[in-house]
Protein backbone atom coordinates (compact mmCIF):
# COMPACT_ATOMS: atom_id res chain seq x y z
CA MET A 1 0.00 0.00 0.00
CA PRO A 2 1.34 3.43 -0.87
CA GLY A 3 2.94 5.13 2.03
CA ALA A 4 3.03 1.98 4.08
CA PRO A 5 6.41 1.11 5.65
CA ILE A 6 8.46 -1.60 3.93
CA ALA A 7 8.84 -4.72 5.99
CA ARG A 8 12.45 -5.87 6.58
CA PRO A 9 13.60 -9.47 6.91
CA PRO A 10 13.92 -10.62 10.45
CA ASP A 11 17.74 -11.19 10.16
CA ALA A 12 18.28 -7.81 8.52
CA ALA A 13 16.46 -6.10 11.27
CA ALA A 14 18.75 -7.61 13.93
CA ASP A 15 21.62 -5.60 15.33
CA PRO A 16 25.14 -6.43 14.06
CA ALA A 17 27.41 -8.68 16.21
CA PRO A 18 28.81 -6.83 19.13
CA ARG A 19 32.38 -5.68 18.75
CA PRO A 20 34.96 -6.42 21.42
CA ALA A 21 35.41 -3.71 23.95
CA PRO A 22 38.45 -1.60 23.34
CA ALA A 23 41.50 -2.48 25.37
CA ALA A 24 42.34 -0.40 28.34
CA GLY A 25 44.98 2.25 27.91
CA PRO A 26 45.73 4.66 25.15
CA GLN A 27 44.57 3.63 21.72
CA PRO A 28 46.33 4.37 18.40
CA SER A 29 44.77 6.99 16.27
CA ARG A 30 44.86 4.66 13.24
CA PRO A 31 45.40 0.95 12.55
CA ILE A 32 49.04 -0.31 12.43
CA SER A 33 50.07 -2.05 9.22
CA PRO A 34 52.37 -5.19 9.39
CA LEU A 35 56.10 -4.68 8.79
CA PRO A 36 57.29 -5.36 5.28
CA PRO A 37 59.44 -8.48 4.73
CA ILE A 38 63.25 -8.16 4.94
CA PRO A 39 64.78 -8.75 1.53
CA GLY A 40 66.91 -11.92 1.31
CA ARG A 41 65.67 -13.28 4.61
CA ASP A 42 61.94 -13.58 4.94
CA VAL A 43 60.57 -13.64 1.45
CA PRO A 44 62.67 -14.13 -1.68
CA GLN A 45 62.65 -11.23 -3.98
CA PRO A 46 60.95 -11.72 -7.26
CA GLY A 47 63.29 -13.57 -9.62
CA ALA A 48 65.81 -14.54 -6.87
CA THR A 49 66.51 -18.10 -5.47
CA ARG A 50 68.05 -18.98 -2.11
CA PRO A 51 71.27 -21.14 -2.46
CA ALA A 52 71.27 -24.52 -0.66
CA PRO A 53 73.99 -25.00 2.04
CA PRO A 54 77.04 -27.07 0.90
CA SER A 55 77.05 -30.78 1.75
CA PRO A 56 79.83 -32.36 3.88
CA ARG A 57 81.34 -33.90 0.77
CA GLU A 58 81.43 -30.51 -0.93
CA ARG A 59 83.07 -28.95 2.13
CA ARG A 60 85.77 -31.65 2.14
CA ALA A 61 86.33 -31.18 -1.58
CA ALA A 62 86.73 -27.45 -1.02
CA LYS A 63 89.32 -28.06 1.67
CA ARG A 64 91.26 -30.46 -0.57
CA ALA A 65 91.19 -27.92 -3.38
CA ALA A 66 92.65 -25.33 -1.04
CA ARG A 67 95.67 -27.56 -0.26
CA SER A 68 98.89 -27.29 -2.17
CA PRO A 69 100.00 -30.25 -4.34
CA ARG A 70 102.87 -31.00 -1.96
CA ARG A 71 100.59 -31.08 1.00
CA ARG A 72 98.21 -33.37 -0.82
CA ARG A 73 101.08 -35.76 -1.56
CA LEU A 74 102.15 -35.76 2.09
CA VAL A 75 98.63 -36.49 3.25
CA ARG A 76 98.30 -39.38 0.80
CA ALA A 77 101.68 -40.79 1.94
CA ALA A 78 100.69 -40.53 5.60
CA VAL A 79 97.42 -42.31 4.96
CA ALA A 80 99.17 -45.08 3.03
CA LEU A 81 101.81 -45.48 5.75
CA ALA A 82 99.17 -45.67 8.47
CA ALA A 83 97.33 -48.33 6.49
CA LEU A 84 100.56 -50.31 5.99
CA VAL A 85 101.47 -50.12 9.68
CA GLY A 86 97.98 -51.26 10.59
CA VAL A 87 98.22 -54.23 8.26
CA VAL A 88 101.68 -55.20 9.59
CA LEU A 89 100.57 -54.89 13.20
CA ALA A 90 97.45 -56.91 12.53
CA TYR A 91 99.56 -59.58 10.81
CA HIS A 92 102.07 -59.80 13.67
CA VAL A 93 99.38 -59.89 16.32
CA GLY A 94 97.51 -62.58 14.45
CA LEU A 95 100.67 -64.61 13.89
CA TYR A 96 101.67 -64.24 17.54
CA LEU A 97 98.27 -65.42 18.75
CA TYR A 98 98.23 -68.30 16.28
CA VAL A 99 101.69 -69.60 17.21
CA ASP A 100 101.22 -68.94 20.91
CA ARG A 101 98.08 -71.07 20.75
CA ASP A 102 99.81 -73.74 18.63
CA ILE A 103 102.76 -74.35 21.00
CA GLN A 104 102.39 -77.55 22.95
CA ARG A 105 101.46 -76.87 26.58
CA VAL A 106 101.61 -79.12 29.61
CA ASP A 107 100.43 -78.85 33.20
CA ALA A 108 103.92 -78.88 34.70
CA LEU A 109 104.18 -76.33 37.52
CA ALA A 110 103.65 -76.82 41.25
CA PRO A 111 104.33 -73.37 42.77
CA ASP A 112 102.68 -74.34 46.05
CA GLY A 113 104.59 -77.60 46.45
CA ALA A 114 105.76 -78.42 49.95
CA GLU A 115 109.33 -78.74 48.66
CA VAL A 116 109.59 -74.99 47.84
CA LEU A 117 111.69 -73.27 50.51
CA ALA A 118 111.18 -69.68 51.74
CA PRO A 119 108.54 -68.67 49.14
CA ARG A 120 108.58 -65.04 50.31
CA LEU A 121 112.29 -64.71 49.54
CA GLN A 122 111.56 -65.85 45.99
CA GLU A 123 108.80 -63.33 45.28
CA GLY A 124 109.54 -61.31 42.16
CA ALA A 125 112.32 -63.62 41.00
CA ALA A 126 111.81 -65.87 37.96
CA THR A 127 113.17 -69.41 37.73
CA TYR A 128 113.12 -71.14 34.34
CA LEU A 129 113.62 -74.88 33.99
CA VAL A 130 115.03 -75.32 30.47
CA VAL A 131 115.24 -78.95 29.36
CA GLY A 132 116.79 -80.12 26.13
CA THR A 133 115.61 -83.55 25.00
CA GLY A 134 116.67 -85.83 22.18
CA LEU A 135 120.38 -84.90 22.42
CA PRO A 136 122.11 -86.11 19.22
CA GLY A 137 124.59 -88.94 19.74
CA ALA A 138 123.24 -89.91 23.18
CA ALA A 139 120.89 -92.54 24.57
CA GLY A 140 118.72 -93.05 27.62
CA ALA A 141 119.10 -90.49 30.39
CA GLY A 142 121.99 -88.93 28.47
CA THR A 143 119.52 -87.50 25.92
CA VAL A 144 118.23 -85.06 28.56
CA ALA A 145 120.02 -81.80 29.41
CA PRO A 146 118.39 -79.97 32.36
CA LEU A 147 119.35 -76.36 33.08
CA LEU A 148 118.03 -73.99 35.77
CA VAL A 149 118.00 -70.27 34.99
CA HIS A 150 117.32 -68.01 37.99
CA VAL A 151 116.72 -64.30 37.26
CA THR A 152 116.62 -61.78 40.11
CA PRO A 153 113.54 -59.54 40.54
CA ASP A 154 115.34 -56.51 39.07
CA GLN A 155 116.51 -58.61 36.08
CA GLN A 156 120.05 -57.37 36.66
CA ARG A 157 121.57 -60.77 37.53
CA ALA A 158 121.09 -64.32 36.33
CA VAL A 159 122.48 -67.65 37.51
CA LEU A 160 122.59 -70.74 35.31
CA VAL A 161 122.97 -74.12 37.03
CA SER A 162 123.35 -77.32 35.02
CA ILE A 163 122.12 -80.57 36.53
CA PRO A 164 123.71 -83.94 35.65
CA PRO A 165 121.01 -86.01 33.92
CA THR A 166 122.05 -89.13 35.86
CA ALA A 167 122.21 -87.33 39.22
CA LEU A 168 120.57 -89.53 41.85
CA VAL A 169 117.68 -87.54 43.37
CA ASP A 170 114.46 -88.05 45.31
CA THR A 171 111.34 -87.36 43.27
CA PRO A 172 108.21 -86.70 45.37
CA ALA A 173 104.76 -87.94 44.41
CA CYS A 174 103.67 -86.28 41.17
CA ALA A 175 101.03 -86.45 38.47
CA ARG A 176 101.82 -87.99 35.12
CA ALA A 177 100.57 -86.46 31.89
CA ASP A 178 97.57 -88.82 31.95
CA GLY A 179 96.63 -87.67 35.47
CA GLU A 180 97.80 -90.84 37.21
CA ILE A 181 99.65 -90.25 40.49
CA ARG A 182 103.24 -91.46 40.43
CA GLU A 183 104.69 -92.73 43.68
CA PRO A 184 107.84 -91.12 45.19
CA ALA A 185 111.07 -92.58 43.82
CA THR A 186 114.84 -92.33 44.11
CA GLU A 187 116.11 -92.18 40.55
CA ALA A 188 118.15 -90.33 37.97
CA ILE A 189 116.70 -86.88 37.50
CA ALA A 190 116.30 -87.54 33.77
CA THR A 191 114.15 -90.58 34.58
CA ALA A 192 111.67 -88.28 36.32
CA LEU A 193 111.07 -86.67 32.92
CA LEU A 194 111.30 -89.76 30.73
CA ASP A 195 109.02 -91.86 32.93
CA GLY A 196 106.84 -89.28 34.68
CA GLY A 197 106.77 -86.27 32.37
CA PRO A 198 107.45 -82.54 32.88
CA SER A 199 105.39 -82.31 36.08
CA CYS A 200 107.50 -84.97 37.79
CA LEU A 201 110.73 -83.35 36.62
CA VAL A 202 109.61 -80.00 38.05
CA ARG A 203 108.83 -81.62 41.41
CA ALA A 204 112.21 -83.40 41.41
CA VAL A 205 114.07 -80.14 40.70
CA GLN A 206 112.12 -78.28 43.38
CA GLN A 207 112.84 -81.09 45.85
CA LEU A 208 116.55 -80.91 45.04
CA SER A 209 116.89 -77.12 45.03
CA GLY A 210 114.07 -75.63 47.07
CA LEU A 211 113.54 -73.15 44.23
CA ARG A 212 110.06 -72.44 42.92
CA VAL A 213 109.99 -73.23 39.20
CA ASP A 214 108.01 -70.44 37.50
CA HIS A 215 108.44 -71.43 33.84
CA TYR A 216 109.01 -74.74 32.10
CA LEU A 217 110.60 -74.74 28.64
CA GLY A 218 111.22 -78.03 26.86
CA VAL A 219 113.29 -77.95 23.67
CA ASP A 220 113.27 -80.85 21.24
CA LEU A 221 116.90 -80.79 20.13
CA THR A 222 116.13 -83.02 17.16
CA ARG A 223 114.03 -80.15 15.73
CA LEU A 224 116.30 -77.30 16.77
CA SER A 225 118.35 -77.57 13.57
CA ALA A 226 115.19 -76.82 11.53
CA VAL A 227 114.54 -73.78 13.72
CA VAL A 228 118.10 -72.54 13.09
CA ASP A 229 117.71 -73.02 9.34
CA ALA A 230 114.39 -71.16 9.43
CA LEU A 231 116.31 -68.10 10.61
CA GLY A 232 118.91 -68.51 7.89
CA GLY A 233 121.47 -69.55 10.53
CA VAL A 234 122.41 -68.00 13.86
CA GLY A 235 125.55 -66.23 14.99
CA VAL A 236 127.44 -67.13 18.18
CA CYS A 237 130.57 -65.63 19.63
CA LEU A 238 133.03 -67.35 21.96
CA PRO A 239 135.54 -65.06 23.63
CA ALA A 240 137.71 -68.14 24.20
CA VAL A 241 137.66 -71.88 23.57
CA THR A 242 136.52 -73.64 26.74
CA PRO A 243 136.37 -77.27 27.91
CA ALA A 244 132.60 -77.44 27.35
CA VAL A 245 133.07 -76.38 23.73
CA ASP A 246 135.98 -78.77 23.20
CA ALA A 247 133.82 -81.64 24.47
CA SER A 248 131.65 -81.21 21.36
CA ALA A 249 131.88 -83.46 18.32
CA ASP A 250 132.22 -80.28 16.23
CA PRO A 251 133.79 -77.65 18.51
CA LEU A 252 133.65 -73.99 17.57
CA PRO A 253 136.71 -71.75 17.32
CA ALA A 254 137.18 -68.66 19.43
CA GLY A 255 135.50 -65.59 17.98
CA ARG A 256 132.39 -65.29 15.84
CA SER A 257 130.83 -68.24 14.06
CA ALA A 258 127.73 -68.61 11.89
CA LEU A 259 125.89 -71.87 12.55
CA SER A 260 123.63 -73.64 10.11
CA GLY A 261 121.24 -76.31 11.33
CA GLU A 262 123.71 -79.07 10.46
CA ARG A 263 126.58 -77.31 12.24
CA ALA A 264 124.35 -76.76 15.28
CA VAL A 265 123.71 -80.51 15.51
CA GLY A 266 127.45 -81.22 15.41
CA TYR A 267 128.06 -78.58 18.05
CA LEU A 268 125.48 -80.13 20.40
CA THR A 269 126.64 -83.74 19.88
CA PRO A 270 129.08 -84.96 22.58
CA GLY A 271 132.56 -85.81 21.39
CA GLY A 272 132.49 -89.22 23.07
CA ALA A 273 130.42 -91.41 25.34
CA ASP A 274 132.52 -90.49 28.39
CA SER A 275 133.48 -86.94 27.43
CA ASP A 276 130.80 -85.37 29.65
CA VAL A 277 129.79 -87.70 32.43
CA THR A 278 128.12 -85.00 34.51
CA GLY A 279 126.24 -83.51 31.54
CA ARG A 280 127.42 -80.01 32.38
CA ALA A 281 129.16 -79.31 29.10
CA VAL A 282 126.09 -80.39 27.11
CA ALA A 283 123.82 -78.15 29.18
CA GLU A 284 126.08 -75.18 28.58
CA ARG A 285 126.25 -75.78 24.84
CA VAL A 286 122.44 -76.04 24.75
CA GLU A 287 122.19 -72.76 26.68
CA LEU A 288 124.58 -70.96 24.33
CA LEU A 289 122.83 -72.19 21.17
CA LEU A 290 119.32 -71.60 22.52
CA THR A 291 120.20 -68.07 23.67
CA ALA A 292 121.75 -67.26 20.29
CA THR A 293 118.67 -68.64 18.49
CA LEU A 294 116.18 -66.66 20.58
CA ARG A 295 118.31 -63.54 20.27
CA THR A 296 118.34 -63.83 16.48
CA ALA A 297 114.61 -64.54 16.42
CA THR A 298 113.79 -61.38 18.41
CA SER A 299 116.10 -59.10 16.43
CA GLY A 300 114.71 -56.27 14.34
CA ALA A 301 115.83 -57.94 11.12
CA THR A 302 113.74 -61.03 11.84
CA ILE A 303 110.68 -59.21 13.14
CA GLY A 304 110.74 -56.93 10.11
CA ASP A 305 110.81 -59.87 7.69
CA PRO A 306 107.35 -61.50 7.69
CA VAL A 307 108.51 -64.52 5.67
CA THR A 308 111.41 -65.37 8.00
CA LEU A 309 109.36 -64.64 11.11
CA THR A 310 106.50 -66.86 9.95
CA ARG A 311 108.87 -69.70 9.06
CA PHE A 312 110.67 -69.44 12.42
CA LEU A 313 107.54 -69.31 14.57
CA THR A 314 105.93 -72.17 12.71
CA ARG A 315 108.93 -74.44 13.23
CA ALA A 316 109.54 -73.23 16.77
CA SER A 317 106.00 -74.19 17.73
CA ASP A 318 106.88 -77.80 16.82
CA ALA A 319 110.12 -77.78 18.82
CA LEU A 320 108.97 -76.09 22.05
CA THR A 321 106.89 -77.28 24.98
CA VAL A 322 105.92 -74.84 27.72
CA ASP A 323 103.76 -74.85 30.82
CA GLU A 324 100.23 -73.50 30.60
CA GLY A 325 101.14 -70.10 32.05
CA THR A 326 104.17 -69.37 29.85
CA ASN A 327 103.82 -67.52 26.54
CA LEU A 328 106.08 -66.21 23.80
CA GLY A 329 106.54 -62.97 25.72
CA ASP A 330 108.12 -64.88 28.62
CA LEU A 331 110.53 -66.59 26.22
CA ARG A 332 111.44 -63.24 24.71
CA THR A 333 112.11 -61.91 28.22
CA LEU A 334 114.39 -64.87 28.91
CA ALA A 335 116.30 -64.35 25.66
CA GLY A 336 116.59 -60.61 26.26
CA THR A 337 117.84 -61.09 29.82
CA LEU A 338 120.54 -63.58 28.87
CA GLY A 339 121.46 -61.55 25.81
CA ASP A 340 121.73 -58.19 27.59
CA LEU A 341 123.55 -59.29 30.73
CA ALA A 342 127.29 -59.77 30.58
CA GLY A 343 130.33 -60.15 32.79
CA ASP A 344 129.68 -60.78 36.47
CA ALA A 345 125.94 -60.28 35.98
CA VAL A 346 125.70 -63.86 34.66
CA GLN A 347 127.08 -66.72 36.76
CA ARG A 348 127.29 -70.32 35.63
CA ALA A 349 127.93 -73.46 37.64
CA GLY A 350 127.45 -77.18 37.61
CA LEU A 351 126.17 -78.94 40.69
CA PRO A 352 129.02 -80.18 42.92
CA VAL A 353 129.68 -83.88 42.35
CA ALA A 354 130.83 -86.28 45.06
CA GLN A 355 131.14 -89.40 42.92
CA VAL A 356 130.78 -90.42 39.30
CA GLY A 357 129.74 -93.91 38.27
CA TYR A 358 128.02 -94.90 41.52
CA VAL A 359 126.26 -98.25 41.05
CA PRO A 360 123.75 -99.10 43.80
CA ALA A 361 123.47 -102.68 44.98
CA GLY A 362 121.04 -104.73 42.94
CA THR A 363 121.31 -102.62 39.78
CA ASP A 364 123.74 -102.16 36.93
CA GLN A 365 122.92 -98.51 36.25
CA ALA A 366 125.60 -95.94 37.08
CA TYR A 367 124.64 -92.64 38.70
CA VAL A 368 126.26 -89.36 39.62
CA LEU A 369 126.23 -88.69 43.36
CA LEU A 370 125.95 -85.01 44.21
CA ASP A 371 127.81 -83.41 47.09
CA ALA A 372 124.73 -82.88 49.26
CA ALA A 373 126.21 -80.28 51.64
CA THR A 374 127.75 -78.11 48.92
CA THR A 375 124.66 -78.41 46.73
CA ARG A 376 122.50 -77.19 49.61
CA THR A 377 124.88 -74.27 50.19
CA LEU A 378 124.65 -73.33 46.51
CA PHE A 379 120.85 -73.27 46.38
CA ASP A 380 120.49 -71.53 49.76
CA ALA A 381 122.68 -68.68 48.50
CA LEU A 382 120.65 -68.56 45.30
CA ILE A 383 117.36 -68.28 47.22
CA GLU A 384 118.61 -65.72 49.73
CA GLU A 385 120.94 -63.55 47.62
CA GLY A 386 120.25 -64.40 43.98
CA ARG A 387 123.90 -65.29 43.38
CA LEU A 388 126.33 -68.19 43.81
CA PRO A 389 128.51 -68.58 46.89
CA ALA A 390 131.93 -66.99 46.36
CA GLU A 391 133.73 -70.34 46.52
CA LEU A 392 131.59 -71.76 43.71
CA VAL A 393 131.66 -68.86 41.29
CA ALA A 394 132.92 -69.96 37.88
CA GLN A 395 135.33 -67.44 36.42
CA GLU A 396 134.46 -67.54 32.75
CA PRO A 397 133.47 -65.47 29.73
CA ALA A 398 129.84 -64.36 29.87
CA ASP A 399 128.96 -65.61 26.39
CA GLY A 400 130.91 -68.83 26.44
CA ALA A 401 130.55 -72.10 28.23
CA ALA A 402 131.68 -72.45 31.77
CA SER A 403 134.91 -73.85 32.97
CA PRO A 404 134.71 -76.48 35.68
CA THR A 405 133.48 -75.17 39.01
CA PRO A 406 136.31 -74.84 41.51
CA THR A 407 135.94 -76.32 44.96
CA ALA A 408 137.69 -75.36 48.13
CA PRO A 409 140.72 -77.68 48.61
CA PRO A 410 140.59 -79.48 51.94
CA ALA A 411 143.66 -80.75 53.73
CA THR A 412 145.28 -83.79 52.09
CA PRO A 413 145.32 -87.13 53.87
CA THR A 414 149.11 -87.15 54.05
CA GLY A 415 149.26 -83.78 55.76
CA HIS A 416 150.95 -82.01 52.80
CA GLN A 417 149.64 -78.60 51.87
CA PRO A 418 148.21 -78.61 48.33
CA ALA A 419 150.38 -77.05 45.68
CA PRO A 420 149.15 -73.91 43.90
CA SER A 421 146.17 -74.41 41.63
CA PRO A 422 147.22 -75.33 38.08
CA ALA A 423 144.99 -72.51 36.80
CA SER A 424 146.96 -69.90 38.74
CA GLN A 425 150.14 -70.35 36.66
CA PRO A 426 150.75 -70.93 32.96
CA LEU A 427 151.36 -74.53 31.90
CA THR A 428 154.79 -75.37 30.53
CA ALA A 429 154.81 -79.19 30.12
CA ALA A 430 153.10 -80.60 27.04
CA PRO A 431 150.97 -83.79 27.42
CA SER A 432 153.10 -85.60 24.85
CA GLY A 433 156.08 -85.49 27.23
CA ILE A 434 154.21 -86.79 30.29
CA THR A 435 153.59 -90.36 31.43
CA VAL A 436 150.92 -90.74 34.06
CA ASP A 437 149.78 -93.69 36.16
CA VAL A 438 146.00 -93.91 36.57
CA LEU A 439 144.56 -95.45 39.75
CA ASN A 440 140.91 -95.91 40.62
CA GLY A 441 139.97 -94.81 44.15
CA THR A 442 136.20 -95.09 43.62
CA ALA A 443 133.73 -97.96 43.65
CA THR A 444 133.14 -97.63 39.91
CA SER A 445 134.52 -100.66 38.14
CA GLY A 446 136.66 -99.94 35.07
CA LEU A 447 136.87 -96.18 35.66
CA ALA A 448 140.69 -96.13 35.59
CA ALA A 449 140.78 -97.83 32.16
CA THR A 450 138.19 -95.39 30.80
CA VAL A 451 140.12 -92.36 32.03
CA ALA A 452 143.39 -93.80 30.72
CA ASP A 453 141.90 -94.04 27.23
CA GLN A 454 140.71 -90.43 27.47
CA LEU A 455 144.17 -89.25 28.55
CA ARG A 456 145.75 -91.07 25.61
CA GLY A 457 143.28 -89.26 23.37
CA GLN A 458 144.63 -85.96 24.72
CA GLY A 459 148.24 -86.96 23.94
CA PHE A 460 149.38 -88.20 27.37
CA GLY A 461 151.45 -91.31 27.84
CA VAL A 462 149.87 -93.82 30.23
CA GLY A 463 151.85 -96.08 32.53
CA GLN A 464 150.27 -98.21 35.23
CA VAL A 465 146.48 -98.61 35.26
CA GLY A 466 144.91 -100.16 38.35
CA ASN A 467 143.20 -99.56 41.70
CA GLU A 468 144.29 -97.29 44.53
CA PRO A 469 145.02 -99.42 47.64
CA GLY A 470 144.25 -96.62 50.09
CA ALA A 471 141.24 -94.37 50.62
CA VAL A 472 140.91 -90.93 49.02
CA ASP A 473 138.19 -88.33 49.44
CA ARG A 474 138.86 -86.50 46.19
CA THR A 475 140.78 -86.80 42.92
CA VAL A 476 144.48 -86.04 43.45
CA VAL A 477 147.60 -85.79 41.29
CA ARG A 478 150.67 -87.02 43.16
CA PHE A 479 154.14 -86.07 42.05
CA GLU A 480 157.69 -86.22 43.32
CA PRO A 481 159.88 -83.10 43.73
CA GLY A 482 160.95 -81.84 40.33
CA ALA A 483 157.84 -83.09 38.49
CA GLU A 484 155.51 -80.28 39.49
CA GLN A 485 155.13 -78.87 35.96
CA GLN A 486 154.09 -82.25 34.57
CA ALA A 487 151.66 -82.72 37.47
CA ARG A 488 150.11 -79.32 36.85
CA THR A 489 149.36 -80.26 33.24
CA VAL A 490 147.71 -83.52 34.37
CA ALA A 491 145.66 -81.62 36.98
CA ALA A 492 144.57 -79.13 34.32
CA ALA A 493 143.29 -82.03 32.21
CA VAL A 494 141.21 -83.41 35.11
CA PRO A 495 139.03 -80.57 36.49
CA GLY A 496 138.62 -80.55 40.25
CA SER A 497 141.76 -82.54 40.97
CA GLN A 498 144.29 -81.37 43.59
CA LEU A 499 148.06 -81.45 43.42
CA GLN A 500 149.75 -83.49 46.13
CA PRO A 501 153.53 -83.67 46.54
CA SER A 502 154.68 -87.14 47.48
CA ASP A 503 157.99 -89.00 47.94
CA SER A 504 156.45 -92.42 47.32
CA VAL A 505 155.52 -92.30 43.64
CA GLY A 506 159.00 -92.75 42.20
CA GLY A 507 159.57 -90.83 39.00
CA ALA A 508 155.99 -91.01 37.76
CA VAL A 509 153.04 -88.66 37.95
CA GLN A 510 150.12 -90.47 39.55
CA LEU A 511 146.46 -89.64 38.97
CA VAL A 512 144.21 -91.09 41.67
CA LEU A 513 140.51 -90.91 40.80
CA GLY A 514 138.29 -90.16 43.76
CA PRO A 515 134.85 -88.73 44.59
CA GLY A 516 134.21 -85.62 42.56
CA TYR A 517 135.84 -86.84 39.34
CA SER A 518 133.92 -85.48 36.34
CA SER A 519 135.79 -85.74 33.06
CA VAL A 520 139.01 -85.30 31.08
CA VAL A 521 139.30 -82.05 29.12
CA PRO A 522 141.82 -80.70 26.62
CA VAL A 523 144.65 -78.54 27.96
CA LEU A 524 146.25 -75.53 26.30
CA ILE A 525 149.98 -74.96 26.47
CA PRO A 526 151.28 -71.41 25.88
CA GLU A 527 153.36 -70.88 22.79
CA VAL A 528 157.02 -70.19 23.62
CA THR A 529 159.16 -68.52 20.95
CA PRO A 530 162.70 -69.94 20.41
CA ALA A 531 164.30 -66.65 21.50
CA ALA A 532 162.51 -66.78 24.81
CA ASP A 533 163.11 -70.42 25.74
CA ALA A 534 165.17 -69.48 28.74
CA ALA A 535 162.70 -66.87 29.91
CA ALA A 536 159.35 -67.30 31.59
CA PRO A 537 156.73 -68.43 29.10
CA SER A 538 153.88 -66.20 28.10
CA ALA A 539 150.89 -66.40 30.43
CA GLU A 540 148.38 -66.28 27.59
CA PRO A 541 147.76 -69.48 25.61
CA VAL A 542 147.63 -68.67 21.94
CA ALA A 543 144.53 -70.81 21.40
CA ALA A 544 142.72 -69.21 24.30
CA ALA A 545 143.39 -65.58 23.44
CA PRO A 546 140.22 -63.55 23.95
CA ALA A 547 138.35 -62.90 20.75
CA SER A 548 136.48 -59.76 19.87
CA CYS A 549 132.79 -60.33 20.53
């Protein structure tokens, strides 16, 4: 209808939504616009792209490009050297572990055995029992060569004591290799090994010495020549020719020698069945060759040659037997100690012998009887002081074999004072101009005839051979006034014998064999020039002149 008001929709007639109440405080006069974006940071400019950050590989490449060519070569060489060293070290470690695992091991030690004396005094010291077996040219007990090596806690001194393989000893109860208990026995010390095994030998040595054996090292001498050849030979040096060396089937000259495997066998082989009754010379030759072999094996030249080192270790693993706690590092320590020490720092001795060729009733086997009192004195000094008693110290070159151990001369049965030791003066009478009677003062049948044959082999003339009617407590060389020089040469050929002036021997020199006799050894006579015949002879034997080692 005209003039009538227009009706509005219900929603249009409603009031708009209420606005929020203004905030308290002063209000801006106009709205604030948002800040514009910062170029290069918030929003890319039209037509521009943001570069991606460099990857680690690109950063390394940039650093390499910044290096000079010389520096790049040095870096490459250092990396190659590090890789080579790593490979070599890994090879040596692997080879060491392989061979160390491959060496034959036995349960041999008894550190808590009741026979060990004063264990606290032996703390820190190391005692090695080194045993050569399968000695060329020998049979039975003679194939065994036992040697004790005692090293002080500071490793500044070492004492080597050889034990006669036929020495009569008491072996306590011990366990065989198969675990069976072996009953106590009185036997040759080599029999303890041959019949009972390494464990029984260790117990026998501990019973004899009172020392605690810390390491057992068995060396198969039949395989040692292959070990020597694996190294391309070994070098030894003898400052002088000694009786132990001369007792060899193939003795070495004074000075330096290079030994092949074949020459090593000849050097170890005894010169005769009776040339080393006590076994001391053999033990010393084994010690010299074994030390030289280990020293060569641990040298820089061998370690730096993988082929030689591998060949040596492979063959050595076949020749060596050790206890379960000994490893190649212990053997290297032994070799280093014996190789580094010299002079008075190394002492060598054989056990004092009271009688050779003792045959107990009811048996036909001959034994060596040890001097019990002197042997006990030797080992007590070794336990307490780490050195030999002064009266038993062998004066000898450090790298050579030992000369016979001197013993203190007791009073002679006839009341005569002993003449000066034959070693204290130079010898002047040659064996070829001496005739000697040989008498047996021991219970060993046939000993005089055996010694007479040995003296003939050294160039002596032999007169009467028989038995001594009286009793003697040692080996003596009797002589009448005026025959002292001839007697001194005979005494030098029979180590341990004592000179004894006598008016009852006629014009002969008389050798009476008694307890303590060991062997006959070569003697060296100084060279006397024709112009000096009337003067005192030179004190230095030409053959025994010290060599440069």
